[in-house]
Amino acid sequence: AYTLDLTGGWYDAGDHGKYVVSGAIAVWTLFDLHERTRLLGTPSGEFADGALAIPERYNRVPALLDEPRWELEWMLRMQGPPHAEHAGMVHHKIHGKNWTPIPQLPHEDGQGRVLHPPTTAATLGLAACAAQGARIFRSYDSAFARRCLEAAETAWLAALKEPRLFNPPG
């Protein structure tokens, strides 16, 4: 009953799908490394803005935060809209109708994509990462931090309403 712009995010190495739950683990890990580095006063020059050859360099944000933000922005797009049947819940994954032929890159694959239903696991993954993102980005990008906090609160409340929405096998 609705469409979502699901550009961005990281492709899985195997089937070129994009998965919220595994993405959330990676986002949390990188965000946690950033926070622990700051908390412990550990030098983080290798992660300073401009230190890594990534597209987002020289944006006044540590490079260690640029890549997880890319994934988190995609995760935010996976959240169902307020008018949806499972409002505020997060779709579990998206992938091609078939495996992308090798050696074709996933973004060059013209086949249709399949969006899987929302799950509690994906919703809680977004809630956690978006809450952490809100805390971290408050000093770098206050508008993004507010967007993250709103999404985290919406996801948390939605997950409380639907605690047993599992990903169907297959």
N, C-alpha and C. Protein backbone atom coordinates (compact mmCIF):
# COMPACT_ATOMS: atom_id res chain seq x y z
N ALA A 1 0.82 -1.20 0.00
CA ALA A 1 0.00 0.00 0.00
C ALA A 1 0.86 1.26 0.00
N TYR A 2 2.19 1.12 0.00
CA TYR A 2 3.06 2.29 -0.04
C TYR A 2 4.38 1.90 -0.70
N THR A 3 5.13 2.90 -1.09
CA THR A 3 6.45 2.66 -1.65
C THR A 3 7.48 3.36 -0.76
N LEU A 4 8.69 2.84 -0.80
CA LEU A 4 9.79 3.41 -0.02
C LEU A 4 10.99 3.63 -0.93
N ASP A 5 11.70 4.71 -0.74
CA ASP A 5 12.96 4.95 -1.42
C ASP A 5 14.03 4.25 -0.59
N LEU A 6 14.56 3.15 -1.09
CA LEU A 6 15.52 2.36 -0.32
C LEU A 6 16.93 2.44 -0.89
N THR A 7 17.25 3.58 -1.47
CA THR A 7 18.61 3.78 -1.96
C THR A 7 19.55 3.91 -0.76
N GLY A 8 20.82 3.67 -1.03
CA GLY A 8 21.82 3.76 0.02
C GLY A 8 21.99 2.43 0.73
N GLY A 9 22.72 2.47 1.80
CA GLY A 9 22.95 1.26 2.59
C GLY A 9 24.00 0.35 1.99
N TRP A 10 24.28 -0.70 2.71
CA TRP A 10 25.32 -1.66 2.33
C TRP A 10 24.70 -2.93 1.77
N TYR A 11 25.26 -3.42 0.69
CA TYR A 11 24.85 -4.71 0.14
C TYR A 11 25.55 -5.83 0.88
N ASP A 12 24.84 -6.94 1.04
CA ASP A 12 25.44 -8.14 1.58
C ASP A 12 26.36 -8.74 0.51
N ALA A 13 27.43 -9.33 0.94
CA ALA A 13 28.42 -9.85 0.00
C ALA A 13 27.93 -11.08 -0.75
N GLY A 14 26.99 -11.83 -0.18
CA GLY A 14 26.55 -13.06 -0.82
C GLY A 14 25.47 -12.85 -1.86
N ASP A 15 24.29 -12.46 -1.41
CA ASP A 15 23.16 -12.35 -2.33
C ASP A 15 22.84 -10.92 -2.73
N HIS A 16 23.67 -9.97 -2.32
CA HIS A 16 23.47 -8.55 -2.63
C HIS A 16 22.16 -8.01 -2.07
N GLY A 17 21.67 -8.65 -1.02
CA GLY A 17 20.53 -8.10 -0.31
C GLY A 17 21.01 -7.04 0.66
N LYS A 18 20.06 -6.37 1.27
CA LYS A 18 20.37 -5.40 2.32
C LYS A 18 19.55 -5.80 3.53
N TYR A 19 20.21 -5.94 4.68
CA TYR A 19 19.60 -6.50 5.87
C TYR A 19 19.70 -5.54 7.04
N VAL A 20 18.58 -5.22 7.66
CA VAL A 20 18.58 -4.28 8.77
C VAL A 20 19.28 -4.86 9.99
N VAL A 21 19.01 -6.11 10.34
CA VAL A 21 19.56 -6.67 11.57
C VAL A 21 21.09 -6.75 11.52
N SER A 22 21.64 -7.28 10.45
CA SER A 22 23.10 -7.35 10.37
C SER A 22 23.70 -5.96 10.19
N GLY A 23 23.00 -5.08 9.50
CA GLY A 23 23.47 -3.70 9.37
C GLY A 23 23.51 -3.01 10.73
N ALA A 24 22.51 -3.30 11.57
CA ALA A 24 22.46 -2.69 12.90
C ALA A 24 23.65 -3.12 13.75
N ILE A 25 24.07 -4.35 13.61
CA ILE A 25 25.23 -4.84 14.38
C ILE A 25 26.48 -4.06 13.96
N ALA A 26 26.65 -3.88 12.67
CA ALA A 26 27.83 -3.14 12.18
C ALA A 26 27.77 -1.67 12.57
N VAL A 27 26.60 -1.05 12.44
CA VAL A 27 26.45 0.36 12.81
C VAL A 27 26.77 0.54 14.29
N TRP A 28 26.18 -0.31 15.13
CA TRP A 28 26.43 -0.20 16.57
C TRP A 28 27.92 -0.37 16.87
N THR A 29 28.56 -1.34 16.22
CA THR A 29 29.98 -1.59 16.48
C THR A 29 30.83 -0.36 16.17
N LEU A 30 30.57 0.28 15.03
CA LEU A 30 31.35 1.47 14.66
C LEU A 30 31.01 2.66 15.54
N PHE A 31 29.73 2.84 15.85
CA PHE A 31 29.35 3.91 16.77
C PHE A 31 29.97 3.68 18.15
N ASP A 32 29.96 2.43 18.60
CA ASP A 32 30.53 2.12 19.91
C ASP A 32 32.03 2.39 19.92
N LEU A 33 32.73 2.03 18.85
CA LEU A 33 34.16 2.32 18.77
C LEU A 33 34.41 3.82 18.88
N HIS A 34 33.60 4.60 18.19
CA HIS A 34 33.72 6.06 18.28
C HIS A 34 33.51 6.53 19.72
N GLU A 35 32.45 6.07 20.35
CA GLU A 35 32.16 6.52 21.71
C GLU A 35 33.21 6.06 22.72
N ARG A 36 33.67 4.83 22.57
CA ARG A 36 34.69 4.32 23.50
C ARG A 36 36.02 5.07 23.32
N THR A 37 36.34 5.39 22.08
CA THR A 37 37.57 6.14 21.81
C THR A 37 37.51 7.49 22.49
N ARG A 38 36.39 8.15 22.38
CA ARG A 38 36.23 9.47 23.01
C ARG A 38 36.22 9.35 24.53
N LEU A 39 35.51 8.35 25.05
CA LEU A 39 35.40 8.16 26.49
C LEU A 39 36.75 7.87 27.12
N LEU A 40 37.54 7.05 26.46
CA LEU A 40 38.84 6.65 27.00
C LEU A 40 39.94 7.64 26.66
N GLY A 41 39.64 8.63 25.84
CA GLY A 41 40.65 9.61 25.46
C GLY A 41 41.73 9.03 24.56
N THR A 42 41.38 7.97 23.84
CA THR A 42 42.33 7.31 22.95
C THR A 42 42.49 8.15 21.68
N PRO A 43 43.72 8.34 21.23
CA PRO A 43 43.91 9.07 19.96
C PRO A 43 43.18 8.36 18.83
N SER A 44 42.49 9.12 18.03
CA SER A 44 41.72 8.52 16.93
C SER A 44 42.04 9.19 15.61
N GLY A 45 43.29 9.60 15.44
CA GLY A 45 43.70 10.29 14.22
C GLY A 45 43.46 9.50 12.96
N GLU A 46 43.56 8.16 13.04
CA GLU A 46 43.35 7.35 11.84
C GLU A 46 41.89 7.38 11.40
N PHE A 47 41.00 7.88 12.26
CA PHE A 47 39.58 7.99 11.92
C PHE A 47 39.12 9.44 11.80
N ALA A 48 40.05 10.36 11.80
CA ALA A 48 39.69 11.78 11.72
C ALA A 48 39.08 12.10 10.37
N ASP A 49 38.35 13.19 10.30
CA ASP A 49 37.75 13.61 9.03
C ASP A 49 38.85 13.78 7.99
N GLY A 50 38.66 13.14 6.84
CA GLY A 50 39.62 13.23 5.76
C GLY A 50 40.70 12.17 5.80
N ALA A 51 40.76 11.37 6.88
CA ALA A 51 41.82 10.37 7.00
C ALA A 51 41.58 9.14 6.12
N LEU A 52 40.33 8.86 5.80
CA LEU A 52 40.00 7.70 4.99
C LEU A 52 39.52 8.15 3.62
N ALA A 53 39.80 7.34 2.61
CA ALA A 53 39.40 7.66 1.24
C ALA A 53 37.96 7.23 1.01
N ILE A 54 37.03 7.98 1.59
CA ILE A 54 35.61 7.71 1.43
C ILE A 54 34.94 8.97 0.88
N PRO A 55 33.80 8.81 0.21
CA PRO A 55 33.17 9.97 -0.42
C PRO A 55 32.81 11.10 0.55
N GLU A 56 32.54 10.78 1.81
CA GLU A 56 32.07 11.80 2.74
C GLU A 56 33.18 12.57 3.43
N ARG A 57 34.42 12.40 3.03
CA ARG A 57 35.51 13.06 3.75
C ARG A 57 35.45 14.58 3.61
N TYR A 58 36.10 15.22 4.56
CA TYR A 58 36.17 16.68 4.65
C TYR A 58 34.80 17.32 4.88
N ASN A 59 34.00 16.68 5.74
CA ASN A 59 32.67 17.20 6.07
C ASN A 59 32.55 17.58 7.55
N ARG A 60 33.68 17.67 8.24
CA ARG A 60 33.75 18.05 9.66
C ARG A 60 33.12 17.01 10.59
N VAL A 61 33.07 15.77 10.11
CA VAL A 61 32.58 14.64 10.91
C VAL A 61 33.66 13.57 10.86
N PRO A 62 34.00 12.95 11.99
CA PRO A 62 35.01 11.89 11.96
C PRO A 62 34.64 10.81 10.93
N ALA A 63 35.63 10.35 10.19
CA ALA A 63 35.40 9.33 9.16
C ALA A 63 34.77 8.08 9.74
N LEU A 64 35.06 7.79 10.99
CA LEU A 64 34.50 6.61 11.65
C LEU A 64 32.97 6.70 11.74
N LEU A 65 32.41 7.89 11.63
CA LEU A 65 30.95 8.05 11.70
C LEU A 65 30.29 8.14 10.33
N ASP A 66 31.05 8.45 9.30
CA ASP A 66 30.47 8.64 7.98
C ASP A 66 29.86 7.35 7.42
N GLU A 67 30.58 6.26 7.50
CA GLU A 67 30.08 5.01 6.93
C GLU A 67 28.88 4.45 7.68
N PRO A 68 28.90 4.40 9.02
CA PRO A 68 27.69 3.91 9.68
C PRO A 68 26.48 4.84 9.47
N ARG A 69 26.74 6.12 9.26
CA ARG A 69 25.61 7.02 8.97
C ARG A 69 24.97 6.62 7.64
N TRP A 70 25.79 6.27 6.65
CA TRP A 70 25.28 5.84 5.35
C TRP A 70 24.31 4.67 5.52
N GLU A 71 24.68 3.71 6.35
CA GLU A 71 23.82 2.55 6.61
C GLU A 71 22.61 2.96 7.45
N LEU A 72 22.81 3.79 8.45
CA LEU A 72 21.70 4.21 9.31
C LEU A 72 20.67 5.01 8.51
N GLU A 73 21.11 5.84 7.59
CA GLU A 73 20.16 6.57 6.75
C GLU A 73 19.29 5.61 5.96
N TRP A 74 19.88 4.53 5.46
CA TRP A 74 19.10 3.51 4.75
C TRP A 74 18.15 2.80 5.71
N MET A 75 18.63 2.48 6.90
CA MET A 75 17.77 1.82 7.89
C MET A 75 16.56 2.70 8.22
N LEU A 76 16.76 3.99 8.30
CA LEU A 76 15.65 4.91 8.56
C LEU A 76 14.62 4.84 7.44
N ARG A 77 15.09 4.65 6.20
CA ARG A 77 14.17 4.53 5.06
C ARG A 77 13.37 3.24 5.09
N MET A 78 13.86 2.24 5.82
CA MET A 78 13.18 0.95 5.91
C MET A 78 12.02 0.97 6.90
N GLN A 79 11.86 2.06 7.62
CA GLN A 79 10.77 2.18 8.60
C GLN A 79 9.46 2.48 7.88
N GLY A 80 8.44 1.70 8.21
CA GLY A 80 7.13 1.90 7.60
C GLY A 80 6.51 3.23 8.01
N PRO A 81 5.73 3.83 7.11
CA PRO A 81 5.12 5.13 7.39
C PRO A 81 3.98 5.04 8.42
N PRO A 82 3.56 6.19 8.95
CA PRO A 82 2.52 6.21 9.98
C PRO A 82 1.19 5.58 9.56
N HIS A 83 0.86 5.63 8.28
CA HIS A 83 -0.43 5.11 7.81
C HIS A 83 -0.38 3.62 7.48
N ALA A 84 0.78 2.98 7.60
CA ALA A 84 0.94 1.57 7.22
C ALA A 84 0.31 0.64 8.24
N GLU A 85 0.07 -0.59 7.82
CA GLU A 85 -0.51 -1.59 8.73
C GLU A 85 0.34 -1.77 9.98
N HIS A 86 1.65 -1.84 9.83
CA HIS A 86 2.57 -1.99 10.97
C HIS A 86 3.34 -0.68 11.14
N ALA A 87 2.63 0.39 11.36
CA ALA A 87 3.22 1.72 11.43
C ALA A 87 4.39 1.77 12.41
N GLY A 88 5.49 2.35 11.94
CA GLY A 88 6.68 2.51 12.78
C GLY A 88 7.58 1.30 12.83
N MET A 89 7.10 0.15 12.38
CA MET A 89 7.94 -1.05 12.34
C MET A 89 8.89 -0.93 11.15
N VAL A 90 9.94 -1.75 11.17
CA VAL A 90 11.00 -1.66 10.17
C VAL A 90 11.03 -2.94 9.35
N HIS A 91 11.08 -2.76 8.03
CA HIS A 91 11.16 -3.92 7.13
C HIS A 91 12.47 -4.66 7.39
N HIS A 92 12.39 -5.97 7.32
CA HIS A 92 13.52 -6.82 7.70
C HIS A 92 14.67 -6.75 6.68
N LYS A 93 14.33 -6.83 5.39
CA LYS A 93 15.37 -6.88 4.37
C LYS A 93 14.79 -6.56 3.01
N ILE A 94 15.70 -6.34 2.08
CA ILE A 94 15.35 -6.17 0.68
C ILE A 94 16.43 -6.88 -0.15
N HIS A 95 16.00 -7.56 -1.19
CA HIS A 95 16.97 -8.21 -2.08
C HIS A 95 16.34 -8.40 -3.45
N GLY A 96 17.16 -8.83 -4.40
CA GLY A 96 16.68 -9.06 -5.76
C GLY A 96 15.76 -10.26 -5.82
N LYS A 97 14.91 -10.28 -6.86
CA LYS A 97 14.03 -11.45 -7.05
C LYS A 97 14.87 -12.70 -7.24
N ASN A 98 16.04 -12.55 -7.85
CA ASN A 98 17.00 -13.64 -8.05
C ASN A 98 18.37 -13.13 -7.64
N TRP A 99 19.31 -14.04 -7.53
CA TRP A 99 20.68 -13.63 -7.22
C TRP A 99 21.22 -12.80 -8.39
N THR A 100 21.94 -11.76 -8.06
CA THR A 100 22.58 -10.94 -9.09
C THR A 100 23.63 -11.79 -9.78
N PRO A 101 23.62 -11.83 -11.11
CA PRO A 101 24.61 -12.64 -11.82
C PRO A 101 26.03 -12.11 -11.57
N ILE A 102 26.94 -13.03 -11.42
CA ILE A 102 28.35 -12.67 -11.23
C ILE A 102 28.96 -12.49 -12.60
N PRO A 103 29.72 -11.47 -12.88
CA PRO A 103 30.34 -10.50 -11.99
C PRO A 103 29.61 -9.16 -11.94
N GLN A 104 28.33 -9.13 -12.19
CA GLN A 104 27.58 -7.87 -12.21
C GLN A 104 27.49 -7.27 -10.81
N LEU A 105 27.62 -5.96 -10.74
CA LEU A 105 27.48 -5.26 -9.47
C LEU A 105 26.00 -5.08 -9.14
N PRO A 106 25.63 -5.13 -7.87
CA PRO A 106 24.21 -5.10 -7.52
C PRO A 106 23.49 -3.83 -7.97
N HIS A 107 24.17 -2.69 -7.94
CA HIS A 107 23.49 -1.45 -8.35
C HIS A 107 23.28 -1.39 -9.86
N GLU A 108 23.92 -2.30 -10.62
CA GLU A 108 23.73 -2.36 -12.06
C GLU A 108 22.71 -3.42 -12.46
N ASP A 109 22.20 -4.15 -11.50
CA ASP A 109 21.25 -5.23 -11.74
C ASP A 109 19.86 -4.64 -11.90
N GLY A 110 19.24 -4.81 -13.05
CA GLY A 110 17.95 -4.19 -13.33
C GLY A 110 16.74 -4.99 -12.86
N GLN A 111 16.97 -6.15 -12.28
CA GLN A 111 15.82 -6.95 -11.84
C GLN A 111 15.08 -6.27 -10.68
N GLY A 112 13.87 -6.64 -10.49
CA GLY A 112 13.08 -6.08 -9.40
C GLY A 112 13.62 -6.49 -8.04
N ARG A 113 13.30 -5.71 -7.04
CA ARG A 113 13.72 -5.98 -5.67
C ARG A 113 12.50 -6.42 -4.87
N VAL A 114 12.74 -7.26 -3.87
CA VAL A 114 11.68 -7.76 -3.01
C VAL A 114 11.87 -7.17 -1.62
N LEU A 115 10.85 -6.48 -1.14
CA LEU A 115 10.87 -5.89 0.19
C LEU A 115 10.14 -6.83 1.13
N HIS A 116 10.83 -7.27 2.17
CA HIS A 116 10.22 -8.19 3.13
C HIS A 116 9.46 -7.42 4.19
N PRO A 117 8.50 -8.07 4.84
CA PRO A 117 7.67 -7.40 5.85
C PRO A 117 8.49 -6.92 7.05
N PRO A 118 7.90 -6.05 7.83
CA PRO A 118 8.55 -5.58 9.05
C PRO A 118 8.68 -6.71 10.07
N THR A 119 9.71 -6.62 10.90
CA THR A 119 9.90 -7.55 12.00
C THR A 119 10.26 -6.78 13.27
N THR A 120 10.04 -7.43 14.38
CA THR A 120 10.39 -6.83 15.66
C THR A 120 11.91 -6.69 15.77
N ALA A 121 12.66 -7.69 15.30
CA ALA A 121 14.12 -7.63 15.38
C ALA A 121 14.67 -6.44 14.61
N ALA A 122 14.21 -6.23 13.39
CA ALA A 122 14.67 -5.09 12.59
C ALA A 122 14.26 -3.78 13.25
N THR A 123 13.06 -3.75 13.79
CA THR A 123 12.56 -2.54 14.44
C THR A 123 13.39 -2.18 15.66
N LEU A 124 13.72 -3.17 16.47
CA LEU A 124 14.55 -2.91 17.65
C LEU A 124 15.98 -2.56 17.26
N GLY A 125 16.47 -3.15 16.16
CA GLY A 125 17.80 -2.79 15.67
C GLY A 125 17.86 -1.32 15.28
N LEU A 126 16.83 -0.85 14.57
CA LEU A 126 16.79 0.57 14.22
C LEU A 126 16.65 1.42 15.47
N ALA A 127 15.78 1.01 16.39
CA ALA A 127 15.57 1.80 17.62
C ALA A 127 16.89 2.03 18.34
N ALA A 128 17.68 0.97 18.48
CA ALA A 128 18.95 1.08 19.20
C ALA A 128 19.95 1.95 18.45
N CYS A 129 20.12 1.69 17.16
CA CYS A 129 21.11 2.45 16.38
C CYS A 129 20.71 3.91 16.21
N ALA A 130 19.42 4.15 16.00
CA ALA A 130 18.97 5.53 15.83
C ALA A 130 19.09 6.31 17.14
N ALA A 131 18.83 5.65 18.27
CA ALA A 131 19.00 6.33 19.56
C ALA A 131 20.47 6.68 19.78
N GLN A 132 21.35 5.75 19.47
CA GLN A 132 22.78 6.00 19.60
C GLN A 132 23.21 7.09 18.61
N GLY A 133 22.69 7.03 17.39
CA GLY A 133 22.99 8.04 16.40
C GLY A 133 22.54 9.43 16.83
N ALA A 134 21.38 9.50 17.49
CA ALA A 134 20.89 10.78 17.99
C ALA A 134 21.86 11.37 19.00
N ARG A 135 22.36 10.52 19.87
CA ARG A 135 23.32 10.98 20.89
C ARG A 135 24.62 11.43 20.24
N ILE A 136 25.13 10.64 19.31
CA ILE A 136 26.43 10.93 18.70
C ILE A 136 26.38 12.15 17.78
N PHE A 137 25.35 12.24 16.95
CA PHE A 137 25.30 13.29 15.93
C PHE A 137 24.77 14.62 16.46
N ARG A 138 24.36 14.68 17.71
CA ARG A 138 23.86 15.93 18.29
C ARG A 138 24.87 17.06 18.10
N SER A 139 26.17 16.75 18.22
CA SER A 139 27.18 17.81 18.10
C SER A 139 27.68 18.00 16.66
N TYR A 140 27.28 17.14 15.74
CA TYR A 140 27.73 17.26 14.35
C TYR A 140 26.62 17.72 13.40
N ASP A 141 25.40 17.24 13.64
CA ASP A 141 24.29 17.51 12.73
C ASP A 141 23.00 17.39 13.54
N SER A 142 22.57 18.50 14.10
CA SER A 142 21.43 18.46 15.03
C SER A 142 20.13 18.03 14.35
N ALA A 143 19.94 18.38 13.08
CA ALA A 143 18.72 17.97 12.37
C ALA A 143 18.70 16.45 12.20
N PHE A 144 19.83 15.87 11.82
CA PHE A 144 19.90 14.41 11.68
C PHE A 144 19.72 13.75 13.04
N ALA A 145 20.29 14.32 14.08
CA ALA A 145 20.14 13.77 15.42
C ALA A 145 18.66 13.74 15.83
N ARG A 146 17.93 14.80 15.54
CA ARG A 146 16.50 14.85 15.86
C ARG A 146 15.72 13.81 15.06
N ARG A 147 16.08 13.66 13.79
CA ARG A 147 15.43 12.64 12.94
C ARG A 147 15.67 11.24 13.52
N CYS A 148 16.89 11.00 13.95
CA CYS A 148 17.23 9.71 14.55
C CYS A 148 16.44 9.46 15.83
N LEU A 149 16.36 10.47 16.68
CA LEU A 149 15.64 10.31 17.94
C LEU A 149 14.16 10.03 17.70
N GLU A 150 13.57 10.75 16.78
CA GLU A 150 12.15 10.53 16.47
C GLU A 150 11.93 9.11 15.94
N ALA A 151 12.80 8.67 15.04
CA ALA A 151 12.67 7.32 14.49
C ALA A 151 12.87 6.27 15.57
N ALA A 152 13.83 6.49 16.46
CA ALA A 152 14.09 5.54 17.54
C ALA A 152 12.89 5.41 18.46
N GLU A 153 12.30 6.54 18.83
CA GLU A 153 11.14 6.51 19.72
C GLU A 153 9.95 5.85 19.03
N THR A 154 9.74 6.17 17.77
CA THR A 154 8.64 5.55 17.00
C THR A 154 8.84 4.04 16.90
N ALA A 155 10.06 3.63 16.59
CA ALA A 155 10.35 2.20 16.47
C ALA A 155 10.16 1.48 17.80
N TRP A 156 10.65 2.07 18.87
CA TRP A 156 10.52 1.45 20.19
C TRP A 156 9.05 1.23 20.55
N LEU A 157 8.24 2.26 20.37
CA LEU A 157 6.82 2.14 20.69
C LEU A 157 6.12 1.12 19.79
N ALA A 158 6.51 1.08 18.52
CA ALA A 158 5.92 0.11 17.60
C ALA A 158 6.31 -1.32 18.01
N ALA A 159 7.55 -1.52 18.40
CA ALA A 159 8.01 -2.85 18.81
C ALA A 159 7.31 -3.31 20.09
N LEU A 160 7.02 -2.38 20.97
CA LEU A 160 6.28 -2.74 22.19
C LEU A 160 4.87 -3.24 21.85
N LYS A 161 4.28 -2.67 20.80
CA LYS A 161 2.94 -3.09 20.37
C LYS A 161 2.96 -4.43 19.64
N GLU A 162 4.08 -4.73 18.95
CA GLU A 162 4.17 -5.96 18.16
C GLU A 162 5.48 -6.69 18.48
N PRO A 163 5.58 -7.26 19.68
CA PRO A 163 6.84 -7.87 20.11
C PRO A 163 7.16 -9.22 19.46
N ARG A 164 6.23 -9.79 18.73
CA ARG A 164 6.45 -11.11 18.16
C ARG A 164 6.24 -11.15 16.63
N LEU A 165 6.71 -10.13 15.97
CA LEU A 165 6.61 -10.09 14.52
C LEU A 165 7.92 -10.62 13.95
N PHE A 166 7.91 -11.91 13.62
CA PHE A 166 9.14 -12.60 13.22
C PHE A 166 9.30 -12.61 11.70
N ASN A 167 10.55 -12.78 11.27
CA ASN A 167 10.85 -12.94 9.84
C ASN A 167 10.48 -14.35 9.44
N PRO A 168 9.59 -14.50 8.47
CA PRO A 168 9.21 -15.86 8.06
C PRO A 168 10.39 -16.59 7.42
N PRO A 169 10.46 -17.90 7.61
CA PRO A 169 11.59 -18.65 7.00
C PRO A 169 11.54 -18.56 5.47
N GLY A 170 12.75 -18.62 4.89
CA GLY A 170 12.84 -18.66 3.43
C GLY A 170 13.16 -17.42 2.77
